[in-house]
Amino acid sequence: MFRRASNTISVSFKYGVIKAVIADSFIKRAIGLGLRRTIGANDGMAFIFPRPRKSAFWNLGMRFPIDIIWIKDGVIIDIHKNIPKMTNGLKIFYPARPVDMALEVPAGMAHKIGAVIYESVHITYSLEL
């Protein structure tokens, strides 16, 4: 049986590590975690930008609440906590300043792993076959 390769990153925070799939296609970036029924407690989705920018993120199709951790050069720039699933209309979120990465994780995880604005994180890239 063949499995499709999956680009992932591990992002280490003060109290934990998030293993995230990299949204490396137009479709993955547009959908994000939307349409998924659930996600593991220490799992996430990473959006990596070639240049820092203030990209818009939405809750379109979200079936569970999430946190978004906004990162630039390995430093947390902003955090949006407990973004609701899409029940009362579309909501759009932006980081406070341009970033080179956004990390979507289950709601409450930013607090649990000790994500704090202006603290550094350690990022490790990998390719699973």
Protein backbone atom coordinates (compact mmCIF):
# COMPACT_ATOMS: atom_id res chain seq x y z
CA MET A 1 0.00 0.00 0.00
CA PHE A 2 1.29 3.47 -0.89
CA ARG A 3 0.75 6.48 1.33
CA ARG A 4 0.98 10.03 0.10
CA ALA A 5 3.89 11.99 1.56
CA SER A 6 2.87 14.58 4.14
CA ASN A 7 4.93 17.64 5.00
CA THR A 8 4.73 18.33 8.71
CA ILE A 9 6.30 20.56 11.30
CA SER A 10 6.71 20.26 15.04
CA VAL A 11 6.38 23.52 16.95
CA SER A 12 7.74 23.44 20.51
CA PHE A 13 6.23 25.79 23.08
CA LYS A 14 6.89 26.31 26.79
CA TYR A 15 4.63 23.42 27.89
CA GLY A 16 4.16 21.23 24.84
CA VAL A 17 4.68 20.40 21.19
CA ILE A 18 2.22 20.69 18.33
CA LYS A 19 2.64 18.43 15.31
CA ALA A 20 1.05 20.17 12.33
CA VAL A 21 0.38 19.29 8.72
CA ILE A 22 1.61 22.03 6.41
CA ALA A 23 -1.14 23.53 4.25
CA ASP A 24 0.97 23.29 1.11
CA SER A 25 -1.64 23.63 -1.63
CA PHE A 26 -4.25 26.20 -2.58
CA ILE A 27 -7.07 23.89 -1.49
CA LYS A 28 -5.49 23.08 1.90
CA ARG A 29 -4.86 26.79 2.53
CA ALA A 30 -8.43 27.75 1.60
CA ILE A 31 -10.09 25.04 3.72
CA GLY A 32 -7.65 24.79 6.64
CA LEU A 33 -9.21 22.71 9.38
CA GLY A 34 -12.69 23.44 8.03
CA LEU A 35 -14.85 20.41 7.20
CA ARG A 36 -12.90 18.14 9.57
CA ARG A 37 -14.97 16.55 12.30
CA THR A 38 -12.19 16.60 14.89
CA ILE A 39 -8.46 16.98 15.42
CA GLY A 40 -6.07 15.46 17.95
CA ALA A 41 -5.23 17.49 21.05
CA ASN A 42 -1.60 18.08 20.01
CA ASP A 43 -2.25 18.29 16.27
CA GLY A 44 -2.70 21.31 14.06
CA MET A 45 -2.35 22.85 10.62
CA ALA A 46 0.47 25.22 9.69
CA PHE A 47 0.29 27.94 7.04
CA ILE A 48 3.72 29.13 5.96
CA PHE A 49 4.09 32.35 3.97
CA PRO A 50 7.15 33.16 1.80
CA ARG A 51 7.11 36.76 3.04
CA PRO A 52 5.54 38.21 6.19
CA ARG A 53 1.96 39.34 5.66
CA LYS A 54 -1.38 39.88 7.36
CA SER A 55 -3.37 37.05 5.79
CA ALA A 56 -7.08 36.72 6.52
CA PHE A 57 -8.34 33.52 8.14
CA TRP A 58 -12.00 32.54 8.38
CA ASN A 59 -14.13 30.04 10.22
CA LEU A 60 -15.85 28.80 7.03
CA GLY A 61 -16.91 25.17 7.48
CA MET A 62 -15.45 24.89 10.98
CA ARG A 63 -17.09 22.13 13.03
CA PHE A 64 -15.17 22.79 16.24
CA PRO A 65 -13.58 25.88 17.83
CA ILE A 66 -9.87 26.61 17.30
CA ASP A 67 -7.03 28.89 18.38
CA ILE A 68 -4.76 30.58 15.83
CA ILE A 69 -1.18 31.27 16.88
CA TRP A 70 0.50 33.85 14.62
CA ILE A 71 4.32 33.54 14.35
CA LYS A 72 7.11 35.59 12.72
CA ASP A 73 10.76 34.51 12.71
CA GLY A 74 10.06 31.97 15.45
CA VAL A 75 8.38 34.50 17.78
CA ILE A 76 4.68 34.55 18.68
CA ILE A 77 3.22 37.82 17.37
CA ASP A 78 -0.48 37.36 18.13
CA ILE A 79 -2.98 34.75 19.33
CA HIS A 80 -6.70 34.44 18.58
CA LYS A 81 -8.30 32.12 21.13
CA ASN A 82 -11.50 30.10 20.95
CA ILE A 83 -12.54 31.03 17.42
CA PRO A 84 -16.06 29.60 17.18
CA LYS A 85 -17.25 26.98 14.77
CA MET A 86 -19.32 28.46 11.99
CA THR A 87 -22.85 28.65 13.39
CA ASN A 88 -23.70 32.37 13.35
CA GLY A 89 -22.13 33.47 10.10
CA LEU A 90 -18.66 33.86 8.68
CA LYS A 91 -16.02 35.56 10.83
CA ILE A 92 -12.62 36.74 9.56
CA PHE A 93 -9.43 37.05 11.63
CA TYR A 94 -6.12 38.86 10.98
CA PRO A 95 -2.87 38.97 12.96
CA ALA A 96 -1.94 42.25 14.66
CA ARG A 97 1.23 42.49 12.50
CA PRO A 98 2.60 40.68 9.42
CA VAL A 99 3.61 37.05 10.11
CA ASP A 100 5.36 34.26 8.21
CA MET A 101 3.35 31.44 9.84
CA ALA A 102 -0.11 30.80 11.24
CA LEU A 103 -0.80 27.70 13.32
CA GLU A 104 -4.37 26.43 13.79
CA VAL A 105 -4.83 24.24 16.88
CA PRO A 106 -7.82 23.01 18.91
CA ALA A 107 -9.42 25.69 21.10
CA GLY A 108 -7.76 25.96 24.51
CA MET A 109 -4.49 24.48 23.27
CA ALA A 110 -2.70 27.87 23.05
CA HIS A 111 -3.19 28.27 26.81
CA LYS A 112 -2.35 24.62 27.59
CA ILE A 113 1.01 24.71 25.76
CA GLY A 114 1.96 28.09 27.23
CA ALA A 115 1.79 30.15 24.04
CA VAL A 116 2.46 33.77 25.01
CA ILE A 117 2.93 36.78 22.73
CA TYR A 118 6.62 37.71 22.20
CA GLU A 119 7.90 34.30 23.34
CA SER A 120 10.04 32.18 21.03
CA VAL A 121 9.09 28.79 19.65
CA HIS A 122 11.26 26.08 18.13
CA ILE A 123 10.18 24.81 14.70
CA THR A 124 11.32 21.50 13.20
CA TYR A 125 10.38 20.57 9.63
CA SER A 126 9.99 16.95 8.49
CA LEU A 127 8.78 14.86 5.57
CA GLU A 128 6.86 11.67 6.30
CA LEU A 129 6.71 9.01 3.62
